[in-house]
Amino acid sequence: METDSQIAIHVRDLVVGFGKQIVLDHLSLDVRRGEVLGIVGASGGGKSVLMRTIIGLIPKRAGVIRVMGSEIRNVQDRQAKEAASKWGILFQQGALFSSLTVRQNIQFPLREYLTLSQELMDEIANAKLEMVGLRAEDGDKYPSELSGGMTKRAALARALALDPAIVFLDEPTSGLDPISAGDFDVLIGTLQKTLAFTVFMVTHDLASLNTVCDRVAALADGKIVSIGPMATLLQSEHPWVRAYFHGARSEMLKFYES
């Protein structure tokens, strides 16, 4: 039984819906500090909705969400704003501001939460670029000038700008070729071990789940139906979990199990 000091994200009896449709139905989940947790589920099953509700972008109908001890009610809530300074977010398509250079994108959270000189912000941005495998010169480029892999790395640099305790990743390898996706998985794993932040990763990528994640949580029917290391998910009797992990990609999973 983990104590509150061991839990980065605490969710209890969360209900989220749109109109008459209930997407998350009394969902409960704990994310441990310092772990990489992967969230899997069917397309449209609520994975990204869960992430966006935790960070306060989608209102909840019921339940409790606490991030690093602060209760999150909605994005305008004072505690939510304070908690937001402790996390970084990489959205699925990067979500870089097209009118800003890469360096200015990385500096955006610094301007929002801190009062720093331009010189110091430039130094921080260059350090984050190097951290994710980009060059200082790449900071002068605009998002339209970046490849898909560079866009992901630039967005990750922005997510790391404030040295967050938690990093939220929404389908971080989507749109990348297998080699680039593998490199990005290695980058995330290396940074997480080096900087010791918690990772909440929404993904459908089985390779990412195996390479990066300490635990995996399966979302189905609006609830977490199985959670644990990959071996636990492979042994689950839940119909969706069995179909996902023992379906068309079973050959890959045999490699995981070996």
Protein backbone atom coordinates (compact mmCIF):
# COMPACT_ATOMS: atom_id res chain seq x y z
CA MET A 1 0.00 0.00 0.00
CA GLU A 2 1.65 3.21 -1.18
CA THR A 3 1.61 6.32 0.97
CA ASP A 4 0.60 9.74 -0.39
CA SER A 5 4.27 10.70 -0.62
CA GLN A 6 4.85 7.81 -3.04
CA ILE A 7 1.98 8.77 -5.37
CA ALA A 8 2.42 11.35 -8.14
CA ILE A 9 -1.12 11.13 -9.57
CA HIS A 10 -4.12 9.97 -7.53
CA VAL A 11 -7.46 9.43 -9.28
CA ARG A 12 -10.57 8.09 -7.52
CA ASP A 13 -14.06 7.40 -8.89
CA LEU A 14 -13.53 9.72 -11.86
CA VAL A 15 -16.56 10.28 -14.07
CA VAL A 16 -16.24 12.18 -17.36
CA GLY A 17 -18.83 12.43 -20.08
CA PHE A 18 -20.01 14.41 -23.07
CA GLY A 19 -23.76 14.83 -23.22
CA LYS A 20 -25.33 11.45 -22.51
CA GLN A 21 -22.13 9.54 -23.29
CA ILE A 22 -20.05 8.47 -20.29
CA VAL A 23 -16.39 8.08 -21.30
CA LEU A 24 -14.79 7.45 -17.91
CA ASP A 25 -17.02 5.60 -15.46
CA HIS A 26 -15.82 5.75 -11.83
CA LEU A 27 -12.23 5.21 -12.90
CA SER A 28 -9.54 4.90 -10.22
CA LEU A 29 -5.78 4.95 -10.73
CA ASP A 30 -2.56 5.68 -8.85
CA VAL A 31 0.66 6.63 -10.65
CA ARG A 32 3.78 6.12 -8.54
CA ARG A 33 6.43 8.80 -8.27
CA GLY A 34 9.39 8.09 -10.53
CA GLU A 35 7.71 5.42 -12.66
CA VAL A 36 6.83 5.31 -16.34
CA LEU A 37 3.18 4.30 -16.66
CA GLY A 38 1.76 3.47 -20.07
CA ILE A 39 -1.97 3.84 -20.73
CA VAL A 40 -3.49 1.65 -23.45
CA GLY A 41 -7.05 1.34 -24.69
CA ALA A 42 -9.22 1.19 -27.77
CA SER A 43 -9.31 4.16 -30.14
CA GLY A 44 -11.87 6.59 -28.75
CA GLY A 45 -11.90 4.67 -25.48
CA GLY A 46 -10.88 7.61 -23.31
CA LYS A 47 -7.06 7.48 -23.02
CA SER A 48 -6.46 11.07 -24.08
CA VAL A 49 -9.64 12.17 -22.27
CA LEU A 50 -8.17 10.75 -19.06
CA MET A 51 -4.90 12.63 -19.57
CA ARG A 52 -6.63 15.90 -20.43
CA THR A 53 -8.96 15.58 -17.44
CA ILE A 54 -6.03 15.01 -15.08
CA ILE A 55 -4.35 18.21 -16.31
CA GLY A 56 -7.60 20.14 -16.02
CA LEU A 57 -8.46 20.70 -19.69
CA ILE A 58 -11.66 18.62 -19.56
CA PRO A 59 -14.13 19.03 -16.68
CA LYS A 60 -15.07 16.03 -14.58
CA ARG A 61 -18.56 15.19 -13.41
CA ALA A 62 -17.46 13.40 -10.27
CA GLY A 63 -14.39 12.03 -8.53
CA VAL A 64 -11.11 13.26 -7.11
CA ILE A 65 -7.84 14.03 -8.90
CA ARG A 66 -4.67 14.94 -7.03
CA VAL A 67 -1.36 15.67 -8.76
CA MET A 68 1.72 15.89 -6.52
CA GLY A 69 -0.64 16.38 -3.60
CA SER A 70 -2.66 19.21 -5.19
CA GLU A 71 -6.31 18.59 -6.02
CA ILE A 72 -7.20 19.41 -9.63
CA ARG A 73 -10.72 20.69 -10.22
CA ASN A 74 -10.43 22.60 -13.51
CA VAL A 75 -7.80 24.44 -15.51
CA GLN A 76 -8.72 27.81 -13.93
CA ASP A 77 -8.41 26.51 -10.38
CA ARG A 78 -5.56 28.10 -8.40
CA GLN A 79 -4.20 24.74 -7.24
CA ALA A 80 -4.33 23.46 -10.81
CA LYS A 81 -2.25 26.41 -11.98
CA GLU A 82 0.30 25.76 -9.24
CA ALA A 83 0.41 22.06 -10.12
CA ALA A 84 0.83 22.89 -13.82
CA SER A 85 4.23 24.39 -13.06
CA LYS A 86 5.32 20.91 -11.92
CA TRP A 87 4.42 19.08 -15.12
CA GLY A 88 5.31 19.15 -18.81
CA ILE A 89 3.12 17.97 -21.68
CA LEU A 90 3.90 16.57 -25.10
CA PHE A 91 0.69 16.48 -27.15
CA GLN A 92 0.24 13.99 -29.99
CA GLN A 93 1.19 16.30 -32.87
CA GLY A 94 3.66 18.34 -30.82
CA ALA A 95 1.32 21.37 -30.67
CA LEU A 96 4.16 23.83 -31.20
CA PHE A 97 3.14 27.43 -31.84
CA SER A 98 3.65 27.88 -35.58
CA SER A 99 4.39 31.60 -35.34
CA LEU A 100 7.21 31.11 -32.81
CA THR A 101 10.68 29.69 -33.37
CA VAL A 102 11.60 26.44 -31.65
CA ARG A 103 13.60 28.39 -29.07
CA GLN A 104 10.65 30.70 -28.39
CA ASN A 105 8.38 27.66 -28.02
CA ILE A 106 10.69 26.20 -25.40
CA GLN A 107 10.78 29.54 -23.60
CA PHE A 108 6.99 29.87 -23.52
CA PRO A 109 6.54 28.02 -20.17
CA LEU A 110 9.47 29.97 -18.71
CA ARG A 111 7.75 33.27 -19.57
CA GLU A 112 4.44 32.01 -18.16
CA TYR A 113 5.70 30.83 -14.79
CA LEU A 114 9.05 32.54 -14.13
CA THR A 115 10.68 35.96 -14.35
CA LEU A 116 14.04 35.47 -16.05
CA SER A 117 16.38 37.51 -18.20
CA GLN A 118 16.38 36.84 -21.94
CA GLU A 119 19.98 35.69 -21.72
CA LEU A 120 19.15 33.07 -19.09
CA MET A 121 16.10 31.88 -21.04
CA ASP A 122 18.28 31.47 -24.13
CA GLU A 123 20.77 29.41 -22.13
CA ILE A 124 18.00 27.20 -20.73
CA ALA A 125 16.42 26.70 -24.17
CA ASN A 126 19.78 25.74 -25.70
CA ALA A 127 20.40 23.29 -22.86
CA LYS A 128 16.98 21.66 -23.42
CA LEU A 129 17.66 21.43 -27.17
CA GLU A 130 20.92 19.60 -26.49
CA MET A 131 19.17 17.38 -23.95
CA VAL A 132 16.75 16.05 -26.59
CA GLY A 133 19.37 15.63 -29.30
CA LEU A 134 18.86 18.86 -31.24
CA ARG A 135 21.41 21.60 -31.97
CA ALA A 136 21.32 25.18 -30.74
CA GLU A 137 20.92 26.28 -34.39
CA ASP A 138 17.67 24.27 -34.56
CA GLY A 139 16.23 26.73 -32.06
CA ASP A 140 16.15 29.40 -34.79
CA LYS A 141 13.88 27.29 -37.00
CA TYR A 142 10.10 27.47 -37.17
CA PRO A 143 7.96 24.34 -36.66
CA SER A 144 7.16 24.19 -40.41
CA GLU A 145 10.89 23.67 -41.07
CA LEU A 146 11.15 20.59 -38.85
CA SER A 147 10.83 16.91 -39.70
CA GLY A 148 8.38 14.79 -37.73
CA GLY A 149 11.10 13.46 -35.46
CA MET A 150 12.52 16.93 -34.85
CA THR A 151 9.05 18.24 -34.03
CA LYS A 152 8.62 15.57 -31.36
CA ARG A 153 12.03 16.38 -29.89
CA ALA A 154 11.33 20.12 -29.89
CA ALA A 155 7.98 19.52 -28.17
CA LEU A 156 9.72 17.32 -25.61
CA ALA A 157 12.27 20.07 -24.98
CA ARG A 158 9.40 22.47 -24.28
CA ALA A 159 7.79 19.90 -21.96
CA LEU A 160 11.07 19.75 -20.01
CA ALA A 161 11.57 23.53 -19.85
CA LEU A 162 10.52 23.87 -16.20
CA ASP A 163 12.33 20.70 -15.01
CA PRO A 164 8.96 19.04 -14.30
CA ALA A 165 8.24 16.35 -11.74
CA ILE A 166 5.75 14.75 -14.17
CA VAL A 167 5.82 14.51 -17.95
CA PHE A 168 2.59 13.70 -19.81
CA LEU A 169 3.10 12.10 -23.24
CA ASP A 170 0.18 11.68 -25.63
CA GLU A 171 1.06 9.12 -28.34
CA PRO A 172 4.70 10.28 -28.43
CA THR A 173 5.76 7.96 -31.28
CA SER A 174 2.71 8.37 -33.52
CA GLY A 175 3.62 9.40 -37.05
CA LEU A 176 7.25 8.32 -36.68
CA ASP A 177 8.91 5.56 -38.68
CA PRO A 178 10.04 2.51 -36.62
CA ILE A 179 13.68 3.67 -36.37
CA SER A 180 12.74 7.20 -35.28
CA ALA A 181 10.15 5.79 -32.86
CA GLY A 182 12.75 3.47 -31.35
CA ASP A 183 15.21 6.34 -30.96
CA PHE A 184 12.53 8.44 -29.27
CA ASP A 185 11.71 5.60 -26.86
CA VAL A 186 15.38 5.38 -25.91
CA LEU A 187 15.52 9.17 -25.44
CA ILE A 188 12.49 9.15 -23.12
CA GLY A 189 13.90 6.26 -21.11
CA THR A 190 17.32 7.88 -20.77
CA LEU A 191 15.92 11.26 -19.74
CA GLN A 192 13.52 9.70 -17.26
CA LYS A 193 16.28 7.72 -15.56
CA THR A 194 18.65 10.71 -15.56
CA LEU A 195 16.17 13.32 -14.34
CA ALA A 196 13.97 10.96 -12.27
CA PHE A 197 10.62 12.43 -13.32
CA THR A 198 7.33 10.53 -13.47
CA VAL A 199 5.94 9.70 -16.92
CA PHE A 200 2.24 9.30 -17.77
CA MET A 201 2.28 8.00 -21.35
CA VAL A 202 -0.77 7.41 -23.54
CA THR A 203 0.24 5.07 -26.36
CA HIS A 204 -0.83 2.26 -28.64
CA ASP A 205 2.78 1.35 -29.49
CA LEU A 206 3.60 -2.12 -28.11
CA ALA A 207 7.32 -1.53 -28.58
CA SER A 208 7.11 1.61 -26.44
CA LEU A 209 5.22 -0.24 -23.74
CA ASN A 210 7.93 -2.88 -23.57
CA THR A 211 10.93 -0.55 -23.95
CA VAL A 212 9.97 2.34 -21.70
CA CYS A 213 7.19 1.45 -19.26
CA ASP A 214 7.55 0.11 -15.73
CA ARG A 215 3.82 -0.62 -15.61
CA VAL A 216 0.95 -0.60 -18.08
CA ALA A 217 -2.69 0.26 -17.36
CA ALA A 218 -5.41 -0.97 -19.73
CA LEU A 219 -8.50 1.22 -20.09
CA ALA A 220 -11.73 -0.43 -21.22
CA ASP A 221 -15.40 0.13 -20.50
CA GLY A 222 -14.50 3.44 -18.89
CA LYS A 223 -12.33 1.85 -16.19
CA ILE A 224 -8.82 0.56 -15.60
CA VAL A 225 -9.37 -3.16 -16.07
CA SER A 226 -5.78 -4.34 -15.66
CA ILE A 227 -2.57 -2.74 -14.39
CA GLY A 228 0.94 -3.96 -13.76
CA PRO A 229 4.14 -4.94 -15.58
CA MET A 230 3.79 -6.24 -19.12
CA ALA A 231 3.67 -9.82 -17.82
CA THR A 232 0.54 -8.96 -15.82
CA LEU A 233 -1.23 -7.57 -18.89
CA LEU A 234 -0.30 -10.64 -20.92
CA GLN A 235 -1.99 -12.85 -18.31
CA SER A 236 -5.16 -10.74 -18.04
CA GLU A 237 -8.45 -12.52 -18.78
CA HIS A 238 -10.31 -9.33 -19.71
CA PRO A 239 -11.62 -9.77 -23.30
CA TRP A 240 -10.30 -6.45 -24.65
CA VAL A 241 -6.90 -6.88 -23.02
CA ARG A 242 -6.58 -10.42 -24.41
CA ALA A 243 -7.61 -9.26 -27.87
CA TYR A 244 -5.10 -6.41 -27.78
CA PHE A 245 -2.10 -8.30 -26.47
CA HIS A 246 -2.75 -11.67 -28.10
CA GLY A 247 -4.15 -10.61 -31.45
CA ALA A 248 -2.44 -9.75 -34.70
CA ARG A 249 0.74 -8.69 -32.92
CA SER A 250 1.20 -11.88 -30.94
CA GLU A 251 4.48 -12.65 -32.69
CA MET A 252 5.93 -9.45 -31.25
CA LEU A 253 4.66 -10.39 -27.82
CA LYS A 254 6.33 -13.79 -28.00
CA PHE A 255 9.57 -11.86 -28.32
CA TYR A 256 8.63 -9.79 -25.24
CA GLU A 257 7.93 -12.92 -23.23
CA SER A 258 11.19 -14.63 -24.17
